[in-house]
């Protein structure tokens, strides 16, 4: 019986369907026993004879692949591939696939939710109420705010369309702009500096930088308006966390909502700031979307293994 590692710590919590699909197709399942992101050594230890990995965000390096001689497929639950050494996989004839459509709705909706929380200070009002403190926070309207979206892939486009539906002006920055889509949806493409200087709310939807240098560094953060808000639901490392912290601490920008961090789990300095909304990398954690991603990851894996067997 061929073995499959399901590495995400929360895999199968919503429904047994992904497991049932694997079992009904004759696979033996190796589950993550640690309840957190696996280290390289742990992946090797528990999955050395697996033919496939239904993968989370653990590091799947050349070292891991060399220790798994039967490995044929890595199937990501999600979009990002930055945790997988794609060149090493290609050299070893290991197919890497993902689920690009699964998290789109969930992350786009979280973007709006975080924006509303920042603007209306919902997080502060909630914290006060739970301390039995009756204090009315004065926030801001979304109405007439200019939205700047960095990265107009699937998630960025859905977020843009959602803000446009609420009557907001939307500008975007993307390395490969879809001009036809932008024209149809009344989104204007601008350069990054213009977006940072003019947007009231900046949302970020881009992959982790391959070179390790933040896309939004200290220089870029200094361009942001003092009354603007930043929402990062992309990847840790995209924004220079120290520079963002300093700007928030000194009120050089109004606030930020952060779902992703360079080191996770996160317990750093942002936790001490009142003008920040923090969430634990839960962009895709909506039941419907998460289950669909898990099922899609299994189906992708089985399709690759089926083709490999021909």
Foldseek 3Di string as FASTA:
>chain_A
DAEEEEFALCPQVLHCVLVVVQVVVPYHYQYHPPSHHDELVRCLVRPQAHQEYADEQYAAELVSCVSNLNHAEYEYLEDADLSYPVVSCVVSNHYYYYDHPLLQVLLLVVLVVQVVCLQLVVVVCVVCVVVVHDDHDDGHDLPAFEEEEEDPDSNSVSNLLVSVVVPHAYEYEDPDDPVVSCVVSVYHYDHLLVSQQRGQEYEYADEADPVLAACAELVSNLNHALAHEYEYLHEASNYDVVSVVVCQVVSSHQAYEYQYHPDPPDDDDVVVGSRYHYHPNCSRVDSVSSVVSSNVSSVVVVVSVVVVVD
